[in-house]
Amino acid sequence: QVQLVESGGGLVQPGGSLRLSCAASGSIPRFNVMGWHRQAPGKQRELVAVMANNGNTDVADSVKDRFTIFRDNGKNTVYLQMNSLKPEDTAVYYCNLRVLGTTSNYWGRGTQVTVSS
């Protein structure tokens, strides 16, 4: 089993920055994709940014110029640096770990990000 614990959410003014962290623990397969999805009220969960253990990334167009994903494989931790935040970025952000070549898919409990003046 894999456990994911997120941290770093909060309230920030438009134009501000936040960094989210997600630490994975347990039996973590080497070949995986870790990253972030988000869900705003009344909307479907959507991919924000994910990164494979080899460094390949997939980032949503809506955040590509503002958010950066990076990971520390030694610490089994993935980060999301969010800059120039907009009110439309307000959502619950969920950490996700998907094991490549399997159907195993793990989720954290989520962390709230609110962008408001």
C-alpha atoms as a PDB file:
ATOM      1  CA  GLN A   1       0.000   0.000   0.000  1.00  0.00           C
ATOM      2  CA  VAL A   2       0.994   3.588  -0.614  1.00  0.00           C
ATOM      3  CA  GLN A   3       0.066   6.558   1.540  1.00  0.00           C
ATOM      4  CA  LEU A   4       0.153  10.131   0.287  1.00  0.00           C
ATOM      5  CA  VAL A   5       0.181  13.166   2.561  1.00  0.00           C
ATOM      6  CA  GLU A   6      -0.224  16.655   1.129  1.00  0.00           C
ATOM      7  CA  SER A   7       0.739  19.951   2.694  1.00  0.00           C
ATOM      8  CA  GLY A   8       1.096  23.586   1.742  1.00  0.00           C
ATOM      9  CA  GLY A   9      -2.401  24.703   0.835  1.00  0.00           C
ATOM     10  CA  GLY A  10      -4.007  27.852   2.145  1.00  0.00           C
ATOM     11  CA  LEU A  11      -5.415  31.263   1.355  1.00  0.00           C
ATOM     12  CA  VAL A  12      -3.455  33.576  -0.926  1.00  0.00           C
ATOM     13  CA  GLN A  13      -4.200  36.807  -2.756  1.00  0.00           C
ATOM     14  CA  PRO A  14      -4.347  36.926  -6.545  1.00  0.00           C
ATOM     15  CA  GLY A  15      -0.850  37.102  -7.951  1.00  0.00           C
ATOM     16  CA  GLY A  16       0.607  35.318  -4.966  1.00  0.00           C
ATOM     17  CA  SER A  17       2.466  32.034  -4.690  1.00  0.00           C
ATOM     18  CA  LEU A  18       2.137  28.750  -2.861  1.00  0.00           C
ATOM     19  CA  ARG A  19       4.133  25.536  -2.839  1.00  0.00           C
ATOM     20  CA  LEU A  20       2.390  22.220  -2.339  1.00  0.00           C
ATOM     21  CA  SER A  21       4.209  19.124  -1.160  1.00  0.00           C
ATOM     22  CA  CYS A  22       3.177  15.482  -1.255  1.00  0.00           C
ATOM     23  CA  ALA A  23       5.137  12.801   0.535  1.00  0.00           C
ATOM     24  CA  ALA A  24       4.609   9.174  -0.371  1.00  0.00           C
ATOM     25  CA  SER A  25       5.260   6.336   2.043  1.00  0.00           C
ATOM     26  CA  GLY A  26       4.803   2.591   2.072  1.00  0.00           C
ATOM     27  CA  SER A  27       5.694   0.141  -0.675  1.00  0.00           C
ATOM     28  CA  ILE A  28       6.391   2.495  -3.551  1.00  0.00           C
ATOM     29  CA  PRO A  29       7.085   0.899  -6.920  1.00  0.00           C
ATOM     30  CA  ARG A  30      10.014   2.423  -8.744  1.00  0.00           C
ATOM     31  CA  PHE A  31       8.227   3.172 -12.008  1.00  0.00           C
ATOM     32  CA  ASN A  32       5.474   5.607 -11.206  1.00  0.00           C
ATOM     33  CA  VAL A  33       3.929   8.925 -12.027  1.00  0.00           C
ATOM     34  CA  MET A  34       3.312  11.385  -9.203  1.00  0.00           C
ATOM     35  CA  GLY A  35       1.561  14.671  -9.368  1.00  0.00           C
ATOM     36  CA  TRP A  36      -1.418  16.858  -8.807  1.00  0.00           C
ATOM     37  CA  HIS A  37      -5.033  17.042  -9.820  1.00  0.00           C
ATOM     38  CA  ARG A  38      -7.587  19.561  -8.633  1.00  0.00           C
ATOM     39  CA  GLN A  39     -11.321  19.831  -8.211  1.00  0.00           C
ATOM     40  CA  ALA A  40     -13.197  23.086  -7.961  1.00  0.00           C
ATOM     41  CA  PRO A  41     -16.771  23.247  -6.604  1.00  0.00           C
ATOM     42  CA  GLY A  42     -19.239  21.945  -9.158  1.00  0.00           C
ATOM     43  CA  LYS A  43     -16.518  20.826 -11.554  1.00  0.00           C
ATOM     44  CA  GLN A  44     -14.837  17.574 -12.430  1.00  0.00           C
ATOM     45  CA  ARG A  45     -11.426  16.687 -11.127  1.00  0.00           C
ATOM     46  CA  GLU A  46      -8.754  17.705 -13.621  1.00  0.00           C
ATOM     47  CA  LEU A  47      -5.062  17.077 -14.108  1.00  0.00           C
ATOM     48  CA  VAL A  48      -2.803  19.951 -13.112  1.00  0.00           C
ATOM     49  CA  ALA A  49       0.701  18.541 -13.451  1.00  0.00           C
ATOM     50  CA  VAL A  50       2.304  15.125 -13.141  1.00  0.00           C
ATOM     51  CA  MET A  51       5.857  13.869 -13.392  1.00  0.00           C
ATOM     52  CA  ALA A  52       7.163  10.373 -13.986  1.00  0.00           C
ATOM     53  CA  ASN A  53      10.133   9.010 -12.087  1.00  0.00           C
ATOM     54  CA  ASN A  54      12.233   9.549 -15.244  1.00  0.00           C
ATOM     55  CA  GLY A  55      11.375  13.256 -15.300  1.00  0.00           C
ATOM     56  CA  ASN A  56       8.776  13.287 -18.060  1.00  0.00           C
ATOM     57  CA  THR A  57       5.961  15.719 -17.303  1.00  0.00           C
ATOM     58  CA  ASP A  58       2.407  16.463 -18.334  1.00  0.00           C
ATOM     59  CA  VAL A  59       1.141  19.926 -17.408  1.00  0.00           C
ATOM     60  CA  ALA A  60      -2.258  21.488 -18.063  1.00  0.00           C
ATOM     61  CA  ASP A  61      -2.212  24.352 -20.546  1.00  0.00           C
ATOM     62  CA  SER A  62      -4.058  26.566 -18.062  1.00  0.00           C
ATOM     63  CA  VAL A  63      -1.140  26.509 -15.633  1.00  0.00           C
ATOM     64  CA  LYS A  64       1.854  25.795 -17.869  1.00  0.00           C
ATOM     65  CA  ASP A  65       3.381  29.256 -17.601  1.00  0.00           C
ATOM     66  CA  ARG A  66       2.718  29.632 -13.876  1.00  0.00           C
ATOM     67  CA  PHE A  67       3.101  26.277 -12.146  1.00  0.00           C
ATOM     68  CA  THR A  68       6.188  24.089 -11.907  1.00  0.00           C
ATOM     69  CA  ILE A  69       6.251  20.466 -10.818  1.00  0.00           C
ATOM     70  CA  PHE A  70       9.359  18.805  -9.467  1.00  0.00           C
ATOM     71  CA  ARG A  71      10.120  15.765  -7.414  1.00  0.00           C
ATOM     72  CA  ASP A  72      12.745  14.316  -5.138  1.00  0.00           C
ATOM     73  CA  ASN A  73      12.849  10.593  -5.852  1.00  0.00           C
ATOM     74  CA  GLY A  74      15.082   9.968  -2.860  1.00  0.00           C
ATOM     75  CA  LYS A  75      12.441  11.419  -0.568  1.00  0.00           C
ATOM     76  CA  ASN A  76       9.470  10.089  -2.571  1.00  0.00           C
ATOM     77  CA  THR A  77       8.112  13.613  -2.582  1.00  0.00           C
ATOM     78  CA  VAL A  78       6.560  15.695  -5.322  1.00  0.00           C
ATOM     79  CA  TYR A  79       6.158  19.459  -5.225  1.00  0.00           C
ATOM     80  CA  LEU A  80       4.014  21.965  -7.064  1.00  0.00           C
ATOM     81  CA  GLN A  81       5.270  25.529  -7.148  1.00  0.00           C
ATOM     82  CA  MET A  82       2.349  27.769  -7.995  1.00  0.00           C
ATOM     83  CA  ASN A  83       3.037  31.364  -9.010  1.00  0.00           C
ATOM     84  CA  SER A  84       0.816  34.160 -10.281  1.00  0.00           C
ATOM     85  CA  LEU A  85      -2.206  32.487  -8.751  1.00  0.00           C
ATOM     86  CA  LYS A  86      -5.646  33.407 -10.032  1.00  0.00           C
ATOM     87  CA  PRO A  87      -9.076  33.072  -8.417  1.00  0.00           C
ATOM     88  CA  GLU A  88      -9.863  30.320 -10.925  1.00  0.00           C
ATOM     89  CA  ASP A  89      -7.071  28.245  -9.385  1.00  0.00           C
ATOM     90  CA  THR A  90      -9.190  27.889  -6.265  1.00  0.00           C
ATOM     91  CA  ALA A  91      -9.813  24.193  -5.710  1.00  0.00           C
ATOM     92  CA  VAL A  92      -8.966  21.188  -3.610  1.00  0.00           C
ATOM     93  CA  TYR A  93      -5.631  19.887  -4.856  1.00  0.00           C
ATOM     94  CA  TYR A  94      -5.119  16.134  -4.689  1.00  0.00           C
ATOM     95  CA  CYS A  95      -1.832  14.304  -4.822  1.00  0.00           C
ATOM     96  CA  ASN A  96      -1.832  11.221  -7.012  1.00  0.00           C
ATOM     97  CA  LEU A  97       0.535   8.325  -7.552  1.00  0.00           C
ATOM     98  CA  ARG A  98      -0.027   5.960 -10.445  1.00  0.00           C
ATOM     99  CA  VAL A  99       2.030   2.837 -10.878  1.00  0.00           C
ATOM    100  CA  LEU A 100       3.129   2.384 -14.474  1.00  0.00           C
ATOM    101  CA  GLY A 101       2.073  -0.852 -16.134  1.00  0.00           C
ATOM    102  CA  THR A 102      -0.643  -1.550 -13.562  1.00  0.00           C
ATOM    103  CA  THR A 103      -4.044  -0.255 -12.552  1.00  0.00           C
ATOM    104  CA  SER A 104      -2.767   0.839  -9.134  1.00  0.00           C
ATOM    105  CA  ASN A 105      -3.708   4.426  -8.458  1.00  0.00           C
ATOM    106  CA  TYR A 106      -3.437   6.212  -5.112  1.00  0.00           C
ATOM    107  CA  TRP A 107      -4.845   9.514  -3.896  1.00  0.00           C
ATOM    108  CA  GLY A 108      -4.151  11.823  -1.004  1.00  0.00           C
ATOM    109  CA  ARG A 109      -6.901  13.444   1.020  1.00  0.00           C
ATOM    110  CA  GLY A 110      -6.476  16.795  -0.683  1.00  0.00           C
ATOM    111  CA  THR A 111      -5.452  20.263   0.379  1.00  0.00           C
ATOM    112  CA  GLN A 112      -7.514  23.396  -0.122  1.00  0.00           C
ATOM    113  CA  VAL A 113      -6.092  26.257  -2.159  1.00  0.00           C
ATOM    114  CA  THR A 114      -8.108  29.472  -2.113  1.00  0.00           C
ATOM    115  CA  VAL A 115      -7.121  32.488  -4.182  1.00  0.00           C
ATOM    116  CA  SER A 116      -9.044  35.533  -3.087  1.00  0.00           C
ATOM    117  CA  SER A 117      -8.550  39.155  -2.138  1.00  0.00           C
END
